[in-house]
Amino acid sequence: MQRFLFALAVLLFAPFANAQEIAPDALVKSVSQEVLEIIRKDRDIQSGNTRKTIDLVETKVLPHFDFVRMTALAMGPNWRRATPDQQKVLTDQFRVLLVRTYSTALSSYKNHTIDYKPLRAQPGDTDVVVKSEVKQPGQQAVTIDYSMEKTAASWKVYDVAVGGVSLVTTYRDTFTNEVRQGGIDGLIKSLNEKNRQLETAEKK
């Protein structure tokens, strides 16, 4: 369930004209409605077309996520122990993992509704949390909170908390265990293997 909801959270971000000029909560609301409308109308996505879903994630979602910061947060202190080349590989593999892991849950999104909470921020703030609540008929509502930072280009998401559970914190535990067992290269190998398994599953 958490994976399913995070997939929804991730896919609520798509390119939006002059996004850097829009308040982060307004951006979330505008973009999420646009993306959900695409999902509701696209029969291929609803039927589980993996390639089309991945293309949607690649073109609509990734520009709004800071994967370098996400990977660094998920790595914790081990990030500083990685070489620049290892950091790049880790970021690339983590990005692929998130895209492949969460791109398969789109087919059931057409009945979701989203409530947006007032943004608690001061003028000039460059780091905010945008809070929302996802509802589906017959199920308990779940909170989705987006940690966002204002960069020179636009607002970027660097963490998502679903039901109070942080994405980067969840992966930090996993990554720490992997590094403890096999070092940085062991973690890279593990991520690469997981991505190969997901790619193989997509082709079946």
N, C-alpha and C. Protein backbone atom coordinates (compact mmCIF):
# COMPACT_ATOMS: atom_id res chain seq x y z
N MET A 1 0.84 -1.21 0.00
CA MET A 1 0.00 0.00 0.00
C MET A 1 0.86 1.25 0.00
N GLN A 2 1.94 1.24 0.80
CA GLN A 2 2.81 2.41 0.84
C GLN A 2 3.47 2.63 -0.53
N ARG A 3 3.89 1.56 -1.17
CA ARG A 3 4.50 1.68 -2.49
C ARG A 3 3.51 2.27 -3.48
N PHE A 4 2.27 1.80 -3.42
CA PHE A 4 1.22 2.28 -4.31
C PHE A 4 0.99 3.78 -4.13
N LEU A 5 0.90 4.21 -2.88
CA LEU A 5 0.62 5.62 -2.60
C LEU A 5 1.82 6.50 -2.94
N PHE A 6 3.03 5.99 -2.72
CA PHE A 6 4.17 6.81 -3.10
C PHE A 6 4.24 6.97 -4.61
N ALA A 7 3.84 5.93 -5.34
CA ALA A 7 3.78 6.05 -6.79
C ALA A 7 2.87 7.20 -7.19
N LEU A 8 1.73 7.28 -6.53
CA LEU A 8 0.82 8.39 -6.80
C LEU A 8 1.47 9.71 -6.43
N ALA A 9 2.14 9.74 -5.31
CA ALA A 9 2.79 10.99 -4.88
C ALA A 9 3.82 11.44 -5.89
N VAL A 10 4.63 10.52 -6.36
CA VAL A 10 5.66 10.85 -7.32
C VAL A 10 5.06 11.39 -8.61
N LEU A 11 4.00 10.76 -9.06
CA LEU A 11 3.44 11.11 -10.35
C LEU A 11 2.58 12.37 -10.32
N LEU A 12 2.48 13.01 -9.20
CA LEU A 12 1.74 14.26 -9.14
C LEU A 12 2.59 15.44 -9.59
N PHE A 13 3.81 15.17 -10.03
CA PHE A 13 4.67 16.25 -10.49
C PHE A 13 4.96 16.11 -11.97
N ALA A 14 4.65 17.17 -12.73
CA ALA A 14 4.94 17.20 -14.16
C ALA A 14 5.36 18.61 -14.52
N PRO A 15 6.05 18.80 -15.65
CA PRO A 15 6.46 20.14 -16.02
C PRO A 15 5.26 21.07 -16.13
N PHE A 16 5.41 22.29 -15.65
CA PHE A 16 4.33 23.26 -15.67
C PHE A 16 4.92 24.61 -16.06
N ALA A 17 4.30 25.33 -16.95
CA ALA A 17 4.84 26.57 -17.49
C ALA A 17 5.19 27.54 -16.36
N ASN A 18 6.42 28.08 -16.42
CA ASN A 18 6.88 29.05 -15.44
C ASN A 18 6.76 28.52 -14.00
N ALA A 19 7.11 27.22 -13.83
CA ALA A 19 6.90 26.58 -12.52
C ALA A 19 7.64 27.31 -11.42
N GLN A 20 8.82 27.91 -11.75
CA GLN A 20 9.59 28.55 -10.70
C GLN A 20 8.89 29.80 -10.17
N GLU A 21 7.89 30.32 -10.88
CA GLU A 21 7.19 31.51 -10.45
C GLU A 21 5.95 31.18 -9.62
N ILE A 22 5.64 29.92 -9.47
CA ILE A 22 4.44 29.50 -8.76
C ILE A 22 4.81 29.01 -7.37
N ALA A 23 3.99 29.35 -6.38
CA ALA A 23 4.22 28.86 -5.02
C ALA A 23 4.20 27.34 -5.03
N PRO A 24 4.98 26.70 -4.15
CA PRO A 24 5.09 25.24 -4.20
C PRO A 24 3.76 24.53 -4.01
N ASP A 25 2.89 25.02 -3.11
CA ASP A 25 1.61 24.35 -2.92
C ASP A 25 0.70 24.52 -4.13
N ALA A 26 0.76 25.69 -4.77
CA ALA A 26 -0.03 25.90 -5.98
C ALA A 26 0.48 25.02 -7.11
N LEU A 27 1.78 24.83 -7.16
CA LEU A 27 2.36 23.96 -8.18
C LEU A 27 1.90 22.52 -8.01
N VAL A 28 1.93 22.05 -6.76
CA VAL A 28 1.49 20.69 -6.48
C VAL A 28 0.04 20.50 -6.92
N LYS A 29 -0.80 21.42 -6.55
CA LYS A 29 -2.22 21.30 -6.88
C LYS A 29 -2.46 21.34 -8.37
N SER A 30 -1.87 22.30 -9.06
CA SER A 30 -2.10 22.44 -10.50
C SER A 30 -1.61 21.24 -11.28
N VAL A 31 -0.39 20.82 -10.94
CA VAL A 31 0.22 19.72 -11.67
C VAL A 31 -0.46 18.39 -11.38
N SER A 32 -0.82 18.16 -10.12
CA SER A 32 -1.45 16.90 -9.76
C SER A 32 -2.77 16.71 -10.50
N GLN A 33 -3.54 17.78 -10.61
CA GLN A 33 -4.81 17.67 -11.32
C GLN A 33 -4.59 17.38 -12.80
N GLU A 34 -3.56 18.00 -13.36
CA GLU A 34 -3.25 17.76 -14.77
C GLU A 34 -2.85 16.32 -15.03
N VAL A 35 -1.97 15.78 -14.15
CA VAL A 35 -1.50 14.42 -14.34
C VAL A 35 -2.61 13.40 -14.11
N LEU A 36 -3.42 13.62 -13.07
CA LEU A 36 -4.51 12.69 -12.82
C LEU A 36 -5.51 12.68 -13.98
N GLU A 37 -5.68 13.81 -14.61
CA GLU A 37 -6.58 13.86 -15.75
C GLU A 37 -6.04 13.04 -16.92
N ILE A 38 -4.72 13.09 -17.11
CA ILE A 38 -4.09 12.27 -18.13
C ILE A 38 -4.32 10.79 -17.84
N ILE A 39 -4.13 10.41 -16.59
CA ILE A 39 -4.30 9.01 -16.20
C ILE A 39 -5.73 8.54 -16.45
N ARG A 40 -6.69 9.39 -16.10
CA ARG A 40 -8.09 9.00 -16.25
C ARG A 40 -8.49 8.81 -17.71
N LYS A 41 -7.79 9.49 -18.61
CA LYS A 41 -8.16 9.41 -20.03
C LYS A 41 -7.34 8.41 -20.82
N ASP A 42 -6.21 7.99 -20.28
CA ASP A 42 -5.30 7.13 -21.03
C ASP A 42 -5.59 5.65 -20.75
N ARG A 43 -6.18 5.00 -21.70
CA ARG A 43 -6.55 3.58 -21.54
C ARG A 43 -5.32 2.68 -21.47
N ASP A 44 -4.26 3.06 -22.17
CA ASP A 44 -3.05 2.25 -22.14
C ASP A 44 -2.44 2.21 -20.73
N ILE A 45 -2.38 3.37 -20.08
CA ILE A 45 -1.84 3.42 -18.72
C ILE A 45 -2.73 2.64 -17.78
N GLN A 46 -4.03 2.79 -17.90
CA GLN A 46 -4.97 2.08 -17.03
C GLN A 46 -4.89 0.57 -17.22
N SER A 47 -4.53 0.13 -18.41
CA SER A 47 -4.44 -1.31 -18.67
C SER A 47 -3.07 -1.88 -18.33
N GLY A 48 -2.15 -1.02 -17.86
CA GLY A 48 -0.86 -1.50 -17.40
C GLY A 48 0.24 -1.48 -18.43
N ASN A 49 0.19 -0.59 -19.40
CA ASN A 49 1.24 -0.46 -20.40
C ASN A 49 2.50 0.09 -19.73
N THR A 50 3.46 -0.80 -19.44
CA THR A 50 4.64 -0.41 -18.66
C THR A 50 5.50 0.60 -19.38
N ARG A 51 5.74 0.38 -20.68
CA ARG A 51 6.61 1.29 -21.42
C ARG A 51 6.03 2.69 -21.46
N LYS A 52 4.74 2.80 -21.70
CA LYS A 52 4.11 4.11 -21.75
C LYS A 52 4.12 4.78 -20.38
N THR A 53 3.94 3.97 -19.35
CA THR A 53 3.97 4.51 -17.99
C THR A 53 5.35 5.03 -17.63
N ILE A 54 6.39 4.28 -17.96
CA ILE A 54 7.75 4.72 -17.70
C ILE A 54 8.07 5.99 -18.47
N ASP A 55 7.61 6.07 -19.72
CA ASP A 55 7.82 7.28 -20.51
C ASP A 55 7.15 8.48 -19.83
N LEU A 56 5.98 8.25 -19.27
CA LEU A 56 5.28 9.32 -18.56
C LEU A 56 6.11 9.80 -17.36
N VAL A 57 6.64 8.85 -16.62
CA VAL A 57 7.46 9.20 -15.46
C VAL A 57 8.71 9.97 -15.90
N GLU A 58 9.36 9.48 -16.94
CA GLU A 58 10.60 10.10 -17.40
C GLU A 58 10.37 11.53 -17.86
N THR A 59 9.29 11.77 -18.58
CA THR A 59 9.09 13.08 -19.18
C THR A 59 8.34 14.05 -18.27
N LYS A 60 7.49 13.55 -17.40
CA LYS A 60 6.64 14.42 -16.60
C LYS A 60 7.09 14.57 -15.15
N VAL A 61 7.78 13.57 -14.63
CA VAL A 61 8.06 13.54 -13.19
C VAL A 61 9.47 13.98 -12.84
N LEU A 62 10.44 13.39 -13.51
CA LEU A 62 11.83 13.55 -13.09
C LEU A 62 12.33 14.99 -13.03
N PRO A 63 11.86 15.89 -13.89
CA PRO A 63 12.35 17.27 -13.79
C PRO A 63 12.06 17.94 -12.46
N HIS A 64 11.15 17.40 -11.68
CA HIS A 64 10.76 18.04 -10.43
C HIS A 64 11.33 17.36 -9.19
N PHE A 65 12.24 16.42 -9.37
CA PHE A 65 12.85 15.73 -8.23
C PHE A 65 14.36 15.94 -8.25
N ASP A 66 14.91 16.21 -7.07
CA ASP A 66 16.35 16.36 -6.93
C ASP A 66 16.92 15.01 -6.49
N PHE A 67 17.28 14.19 -7.46
CA PHE A 67 17.72 12.84 -7.15
C PHE A 67 19.10 12.81 -6.49
N VAL A 68 19.92 13.80 -6.76
CA VAL A 68 21.22 13.84 -6.09
C VAL A 68 21.02 14.02 -4.58
N ARG A 69 20.19 14.99 -4.21
CA ARG A 69 19.95 15.22 -2.78
C ARG A 69 19.21 14.03 -2.16
N MET A 70 18.25 13.46 -2.88
CA MET A 70 17.53 12.30 -2.37
C MET A 70 18.48 11.15 -2.09
N THR A 71 19.39 10.91 -3.03
CA THR A 71 20.34 9.80 -2.86
C THR A 71 21.28 10.08 -1.70
N ALA A 72 21.75 11.33 -1.59
CA ALA A 72 22.65 11.69 -0.49
C ALA A 72 21.96 11.50 0.85
N LEU A 73 20.69 11.91 0.95
CA LEU A 73 19.95 11.74 2.20
C LEU A 73 19.73 10.26 2.50
N ALA A 74 19.42 9.48 1.46
CA ALA A 74 19.19 8.05 1.67
C ALA A 74 20.48 7.33 2.08
N MET A 75 21.62 7.84 1.61
CA MET A 75 22.91 7.23 1.96
C MET A 75 23.37 7.62 3.36
N GLY A 76 22.96 8.80 3.83
CA GLY A 76 23.42 9.26 5.14
C GLY A 76 24.92 9.50 5.14
N PRO A 77 25.61 9.20 6.25
CA PRO A 77 27.06 9.43 6.33
C PRO A 77 27.86 8.69 5.26
N ASN A 78 27.31 7.59 4.73
CA ASN A 78 28.03 6.82 3.72
C ASN A 78 28.19 7.59 2.41
N TRP A 79 27.37 8.62 2.20
CA TRP A 79 27.48 9.41 0.97
C TRP A 79 28.85 10.07 0.87
N ARG A 80 29.36 10.58 2.00
CA ARG A 80 30.65 11.25 2.00
C ARG A 80 31.81 10.27 1.81
N ARG A 81 31.56 9.02 2.06
CA ARG A 81 32.60 8.01 1.89
C ARG A 81 32.70 7.52 0.44
N ALA A 82 31.69 7.83 -0.35
CA ALA A 82 31.69 7.41 -1.75
C ALA A 82 32.49 8.39 -2.60
N THR A 83 33.17 7.88 -3.61
CA THR A 83 33.90 8.74 -4.54
C THR A 83 32.89 9.46 -5.43
N PRO A 84 33.30 10.53 -6.12
CA PRO A 84 32.40 11.20 -7.06
C PRO A 84 31.81 10.25 -8.10
N ASP A 85 32.62 9.34 -8.62
CA ASP A 85 32.11 8.38 -9.61
C ASP A 85 31.07 7.46 -8.98
N GLN A 86 31.33 7.01 -7.75
CA GLN A 86 30.37 6.15 -7.06
C GLN A 86 29.07 6.92 -6.77
N GLN A 87 29.19 8.18 -6.39
CA GLN A 87 28.00 8.99 -6.12
C GLN A 87 27.13 9.12 -7.37
N LYS A 88 27.77 9.31 -8.51
CA LYS A 88 27.01 9.43 -9.76
C LYS A 88 26.29 8.13 -10.09
N VAL A 89 27.00 7.00 -9.95
CA VAL A 89 26.39 5.70 -10.24
C VAL A 89 25.23 5.43 -9.27
N LEU A 90 25.45 5.73 -8.00
CA LEU A 90 24.40 5.52 -7.00
C LEU A 90 23.16 6.35 -7.32
N THR A 91 23.36 7.61 -7.70
CA THR A 91 22.24 8.47 -8.04
C THR A 91 21.48 7.93 -9.26
N ASP A 92 22.23 7.52 -10.28
CA ASP A 92 21.61 6.98 -11.49
C ASP A 92 20.82 5.71 -11.19
N GLN A 93 21.41 4.82 -10.39
CA GLN A 93 20.74 3.56 -10.09
C GLN A 93 19.52 3.77 -9.19
N PHE A 94 19.63 4.69 -8.23
CA PHE A 94 18.50 4.99 -7.35
C PHE A 94 17.35 5.58 -8.15
N ARG A 95 17.67 6.46 -9.09
CA ARG A 95 16.67 7.06 -9.96
C ARG A 95 15.94 5.99 -10.77
N VAL A 96 16.70 5.08 -11.36
CA VAL A 96 16.11 4.00 -12.15
C VAL A 96 15.23 3.12 -11.27
N LEU A 97 15.71 2.81 -10.07
CA LEU A 97 14.95 1.97 -9.16
C LEU A 97 13.60 2.58 -8.82
N LEU A 98 13.59 3.87 -8.50
CA LEU A 98 12.33 4.53 -8.14
C LEU A 98 11.37 4.56 -9.32
N VAL A 99 11.89 4.87 -10.49
CA VAL A 99 11.03 4.91 -11.67
C VAL A 99 10.42 3.55 -11.95
N ARG A 100 11.24 2.51 -11.93
CA ARG A 100 10.75 1.17 -12.27
C ARG A 100 9.86 0.60 -11.18
N THR A 101 10.17 0.92 -9.92
CA THR A 101 9.40 0.36 -8.82
C THR A 101 7.99 0.93 -8.78
N TYR A 102 7.86 2.22 -9.05
CA TYR A 102 6.59 2.89 -8.83
C TYR A 102 5.81 3.22 -10.09
N SER A 103 6.30 2.82 -11.25
CA SER A 103 5.61 3.17 -12.49
C SER A 103 4.52 2.18 -12.86
N THR A 104 4.37 1.12 -12.08
CA THR A 104 3.40 0.08 -12.44
C THR A 104 2.06 0.22 -11.71
N ALA A 105 1.91 1.26 -10.90
CA ALA A 105 0.70 1.38 -10.08
C ALA A 105 -0.30 2.40 -10.58
N LEU A 106 -0.15 2.86 -11.81
CA LEU A 106 -1.00 3.94 -12.30
C LEU A 106 -2.43 3.53 -12.65
N SER A 107 -2.64 2.28 -12.95
CA SER A 107 -3.92 1.87 -13.53
C SER A 107 -5.11 2.08 -12.61
N SER A 108 -4.88 2.25 -11.30
CA SER A 108 -6.00 2.38 -10.36
C SER A 108 -6.20 3.80 -9.82
N TYR A 109 -5.59 4.78 -10.45
CA TYR A 109 -5.60 6.13 -9.89
C TYR A 109 -6.83 6.96 -10.22
N LYS A 110 -7.65 6.51 -11.15
CA LYS A 110 -8.71 7.39 -11.65
C LYS A 110 -9.75 7.74 -10.60
N ASN A 111 -9.87 6.97 -9.52
CA ASN A 111 -10.90 7.25 -8.51
C ASN A 111 -10.36 8.01 -7.30
N HIS A 112 -9.10 8.43 -7.35
CA HIS A 112 -8.52 9.15 -6.23
C HIS A 112 -8.91 10.63 -6.26
N THR A 113 -9.07 11.20 -5.07
CA THR A 113 -9.23 12.64 -4.93
C THR A 113 -8.18 13.13 -3.93
N ILE A 114 -7.81 14.40 -4.04
CA ILE A 114 -6.73 14.93 -3.22
C ILE A 114 -7.19 16.23 -2.56
N ASP A 115 -6.97 16.31 -1.26
CA ASP A 115 -7.20 17.54 -0.51
C ASP A 115 -5.84 18.16 -0.21
N TYR A 116 -5.75 19.47 -0.36
CA TYR A 116 -4.50 20.17 -0.15
C TYR A 116 -4.59 21.04 1.10
N LYS A 117 -3.59 20.96 1.94
CA LYS A 117 -3.58 21.71 3.18
C LYS A 117 -2.93 23.08 2.97
N PRO A 118 -3.33 24.09 3.76
CA PRO A 118 -2.70 25.41 3.65
C PRO A 118 -1.19 25.31 3.89
N LEU A 119 -0.44 26.02 3.07
CA LEU A 119 1.01 25.99 3.21
C LEU A 119 1.44 26.85 4.40
N ARG A 120 2.20 26.25 5.30
CA ARG A 120 2.74 26.99 6.44
C ARG A 120 4.17 27.38 6.13
N ALA A 121 4.31 28.59 5.59
CA ALA A 121 5.62 29.08 5.21
C ALA A 121 5.63 30.60 5.26
N GLN A 122 6.81 31.13 5.42
CA GLN A 122 7.00 32.58 5.44
C GLN A 122 7.53 33.05 4.09
N PRO A 123 7.21 34.28 3.71
CA PRO A 123 7.77 34.81 2.46
C PRO A 123 9.30 34.72 2.48
N GLY A 124 9.84 34.22 1.42
CA GLY A 124 11.29 34.08 1.35
C GLY A 124 11.81 32.73 1.77
N ASP A 125 10.96 31.88 2.33
CA ASP A 125 11.39 30.52 2.68
C ASP A 125 11.83 29.77 1.42
N THR A 126 12.88 29.02 1.55
CA THR A 126 13.38 28.23 0.41
C THR A 126 13.29 26.73 0.67
N ASP A 127 12.77 26.34 1.82
CA ASP A 127 12.61 24.93 2.15
C ASP A 127 11.26 24.78 2.86
N VAL A 128 10.33 24.06 2.23
CA VAL A 128 8.97 23.98 2.76
C VAL A 128 8.46 22.54 2.68
N VAL A 129 7.36 22.30 3.38
CA VAL A 129 6.67 21.01 3.29
C VAL A 129 5.25 21.28 2.80
N VAL A 130 4.91 20.69 1.66
CA VAL A 130 3.57 20.80 1.10
C VAL A 130 2.79 19.56 1.53
N LYS A 131 1.69 19.79 2.24
CA LYS A 131 0.92 18.68 2.79
C LYS A 131 -0.36 18.44 1.98
N SER A 132 -0.67 17.16 1.77
CA SER A 132 -1.89 16.80 1.08
C SER A 132 -2.45 15.51 1.67
N GLU A 133 -3.67 15.20 1.29
CA GLU A 133 -4.34 13.99 1.78
C GLU A 133 -5.04 13.32 0.60
N VAL A 134 -4.71 12.07 0.38
CA VAL A 134 -5.27 11.31 -0.74
C VAL A 134 -6.42 10.44 -0.25
N LYS A 135 -7.54 10.53 -0.97
CA LYS A 135 -8.73 9.77 -0.59
C LYS A 135 -9.18 8.89 -1.75
N GLN A 136 -9.67 7.71 -1.38
CA GLN A 136 -10.24 6.79 -2.36
C GLN A 136 -11.47 6.16 -1.73
N PRO A 137 -12.55 6.00 -2.50
CA PRO A 137 -13.78 5.44 -1.94
C PRO A 137 -13.54 4.12 -1.22
N GLY A 138 -14.04 4.02 0.02
CA GLY A 138 -13.94 2.78 0.77
C GLY A 138 -12.63 2.56 1.49
N GLN A 139 -11.72 3.53 1.42
CA GLN A 139 -10.42 3.37 2.08
C GLN A 139 -10.13 4.58 2.97
N GLN A 140 -9.29 4.36 3.95
CA GLN A 140 -8.90 5.44 4.84
C GLN A 140 -7.98 6.42 4.12
N ALA A 141 -8.19 7.70 4.34
CA ALA A 141 -7.35 8.72 3.71
C ALA A 141 -5.92 8.59 4.21
N VAL A 142 -4.97 8.92 3.34
CA VAL A 142 -3.56 8.83 3.68
C VAL A 142 -2.88 10.17 3.38
N THR A 143 -2.07 10.64 4.30
CA THR A 143 -1.35 11.89 4.10
C THR A 143 -0.13 11.68 3.20
N ILE A 144 0.14 12.66 2.36
CA ILE A 144 1.36 12.67 1.55
C ILE A 144 1.97 14.06 1.69
N ASP A 145 3.18 14.11 2.25
CA ASP A 145 3.87 15.37 2.49
C ASP A 145 5.11 15.44 1.61
N TYR A 146 5.27 16.55 0.92
CA TYR A 146 6.39 16.75 0.02
C TYR A 146 7.38 17.75 0.62
N SER A 147 8.60 17.33 0.86
CA SER A 147 9.66 18.26 1.26
C SER A 147 10.26 18.85 0.00
N MET A 148 10.23 20.18 -0.10
CA MET A 148 10.65 20.84 -1.32
C MET A 148 11.64 21.96 -1.03
N GLU A 149 12.58 22.11 -1.94
CA GLU A 149 13.58 23.17 -1.82
C GLU A 149 13.54 24.03 -3.07
N LYS A 150 13.64 25.33 -2.88
CA LYS A 150 13.68 26.24 -4.02
C LYS A 150 15.10 26.36 -4.52
N THR A 151 15.32 25.95 -5.76
CA THR A 151 16.64 26.05 -6.38
C THR A 151 16.64 27.22 -7.34
N ALA A 152 17.77 27.42 -8.01
CA ALA A 152 17.86 28.52 -8.97
C ALA A 152 16.89 28.32 -10.13
N ALA A 153 16.59 27.06 -10.45
CA ALA A 153 15.72 26.77 -11.59
C ALA A 153 14.25 26.71 -11.20
N SER A 154 13.94 26.04 -10.10
CA SER A 154 12.53 25.82 -9.73
C SER A 154 12.48 25.14 -8.37
N TRP A 155 11.28 24.89 -7.87
CA TRP A 155 11.09 24.09 -6.67
C TRP A 155 11.33 22.62 -7.00
N LYS A 156 12.08 21.94 -6.13
CA LYS A 156 12.39 20.53 -6.33
C LYS A 156 11.99 19.72 -5.10
N VAL A 157 11.49 18.53 -5.33
CA VAL A 157 11.16 17.60 -4.25
C VAL A 157 12.40 16.80 -3.89
N TYR A 158 12.71 16.72 -2.59
CA TYR A 158 13.85 15.91 -2.17
C TYR A 158 13.46 14.82 -1.17
N ASP A 159 12.20 14.77 -0.80
CA ASP A 159 11.70 13.67 0.03
C ASP A 159 10.19 13.67 -0.02
N VAL A 160 9.61 12.50 0.15
CA VAL A 160 8.16 12.34 0.22
C VAL A 160 7.85 11.45 1.41
N ALA A 161 6.91 11.90 2.24
CA ALA A 161 6.49 11.10 3.40
C ALA A 161 5.05 10.65 3.17
N VAL A 162 4.83 9.36 3.14
CA VAL A 162 3.51 8.77 2.95
C VAL A 162 3.03 8.21 4.28
N GLY A 163 1.92 8.75 4.78
CA GLY A 163 1.43 8.31 6.08
C GLY A 163 2.44 8.54 7.19
N GLY A 164 3.25 9.60 7.02
CA GLY A 164 4.26 9.92 8.02
C GLY A 164 5.57 9.18 7.87
N VAL A 165 5.67 8.31 6.88
CA VAL A 165 6.90 7.52 6.68
C VAL A 165 7.70 8.13 5.53
N SER A 166 8.91 8.56 5.82
CA SER A 166 9.77 9.21 4.85
C SER A 166 10.39 8.21 3.89
N LEU A 167 10.36 8.55 2.61
CA LEU A 167 10.99 7.70 1.60
C LEU A 167 12.48 7.57 1.84
N VAL A 168 13.18 8.69 2.03
CA VAL A 168 14.64 8.61 2.16
C VAL A 168 15.04 7.91 3.46
N THR A 169 14.26 8.07 4.51
CA THR A 169 14.56 7.38 5.76
C THR A 169 14.40 5.88 5.59
N THR A 170 13.36 5.47 4.88
CA THR A 170 13.14 4.04 4.63
C THR A 170 14.29 3.43 3.86
N TYR A 171 14.73 4.13 2.81
CA TYR A 171 15.84 3.61 2.03
C TYR A 171 17.17 3.71 2.78
N ARG A 172 17.29 4.67 3.69
CA ARG A 172 18.55 4.81 4.44
C ARG A 172 18.84 3.55 5.24
N ASP A 173 17.83 2.98 5.85
CA ASP A 173 18.03 1.74 6.61
C ASP A 173 18.53 0.63 5.69
N THR A 174 17.89 0.51 4.53
CA THR A 174 18.29 -0.52 3.57
C THR A 174 19.71 -0.30 3.07
N PHE A 175 20.00 0.94 2.68
CA PHE A 175 21.32 1.25 2.13
C PHE A 175 22.41 1.05 3.18
N THR A 176 22.12 1.43 4.42
CA THR A 176 23.12 1.27 5.49
C THR A 176 23.47 -0.20 5.67
N ASN A 177 22.47 -1.05 5.65
CA ASN A 177 22.72 -2.49 5.79
C ASN A 177 23.53 -3.03 4.61
N GLU A 178 23.21 -2.58 3.41
CA GLU A 178 23.93 -3.04 2.22
C GLU A 178 25.40 -2.62 2.29
N VAL A 179 25.64 -1.36 2.70
CA VAL A 179 27.02 -0.88 2.77
C VAL A 179 27.77 -1.62 3.87
N ARG A 180 27.11 -1.89 4.98
CA ARG A 180 27.75 -2.61 6.07
C ARG A 180 28.19 -4.01 5.63
N GLN A 181 27.42 -4.62 4.77
CA GLN A 181 27.72 -5.99 4.33
C GLN A 181 28.71 -6.04 3.17
N GLY A 182 28.59 -5.08 2.24
CA GLY A 182 29.43 -5.19 1.04
C GLY A 182 30.10 -3.92 0.59
N GLY A 183 30.05 -2.87 1.43
CA GLY A 183 30.67 -1.62 1.04
C GLY A 183 29.85 -0.86 0.00
N ILE A 184 30.39 0.28 -0.44
CA ILE A 184 29.70 1.10 -1.44
C ILE A 184 29.49 0.31 -2.73
N ASP A 185 30.53 -0.39 -3.16
CA ASP A 185 30.42 -1.18 -4.40
C ASP A 185 29.38 -2.29 -4.25
N GLY A 186 29.25 -2.81 -3.05
CA GLY A 186 28.24 -3.84 -2.82
C GLY A 186 26.84 -3.28 -2.96
N LEU A 187 26.63 -2.06 -2.49
CA LEU A 187 25.33 -1.41 -2.65
C LEU A 187 25.04 -1.14 -4.12
N ILE A 188 26.04 -0.66 -4.84
CA ILE A 188 25.86 -0.42 -6.28
C ILE A 188 25.49 -1.71 -7.00
N LYS A 189 26.17 -2.77 -6.66
CA LYS A 189 25.88 -4.07 -7.28
C LYS A 189 24.45 -4.51 -6.95
N SER A 190 24.03 -4.30 -5.71
CA SER A 190 22.68 -4.69 -5.30
C SER A 190 21.62 -3.88 -6.04
N LEU A 191 21.82 -2.57 -6.17
CA LEU A 191 20.87 -1.73 -6.89
C LEU A 191 20.80 -2.12 -8.36
N ASN A 192 21.95 -2.38 -8.93
CA ASN A 192 21.99 -2.78 -10.34
C ASN A 192 21.23 -4.08 -10.56
N GLU A 193 21.40 -5.03 -9.64
CA GLU A 193 20.72 -6.32 -9.74
C GLU A 193 19.20 -6.15 -9.60
N LYS A 194 18.77 -5.31 -8.66
CA LYS A 194 17.34 -5.06 -8.50
C LYS A 194 16.75 -4.44 -9.75
N ASN A 195 17.48 -3.53 -10.37
CA ASN A 195 16.98 -2.89 -11.58
C ASN A 195 16.91 -3.87 -12.74
N ARG A 196 17.87 -4.77 -12.82
CA ARG A 196 17.82 -5.80 -13.87
C ARG A 196 16.62 -6.72 -13.67
N GLN A 197 16.35 -7.07 -12.42
CA GLN A 197 15.20 -7.93 -12.14
C GLN A 197 13.89 -7.24 -12.52
N LEU A 198 13.79 -5.96 -12.20
CA LEU A 198 12.57 -5.22 -12.55
C LEU A 198 12.43 -5.09 -14.06
N GLU A 199 13.55 -4.88 -14.75
CA GLU A 199 13.49 -4.77 -16.21
C GLU A 199 13.06 -6.09 -16.83
N THR A 200 13.57 -7.19 -16.28
CA THR A 200 13.16 -8.51 -16.78
C THR A 200 11.68 -8.75 -16.55
N ALA A 201 11.18 -8.36 -15.39
CA ALA A 201 9.77 -8.54 -15.07
C ALA A 201 8.89 -7.71 -16.00
N GLU A 202 9.37 -6.54 -16.41
CA GLU A 202 8.58 -5.69 -17.32
C GLU A 202 8.37 -6.34 -18.67
N LYS A 203 9.34 -7.16 -19.09
CA LYS A 203 9.29 -7.76 -20.43
C LYS A 203 8.43 -9.02 -20.48
N LYS A 204 8.02 -9.53 -19.33
CA LYS A 204 7.22 -10.75 -19.30
C LYS A 204 5.77 -10.47 -19.63
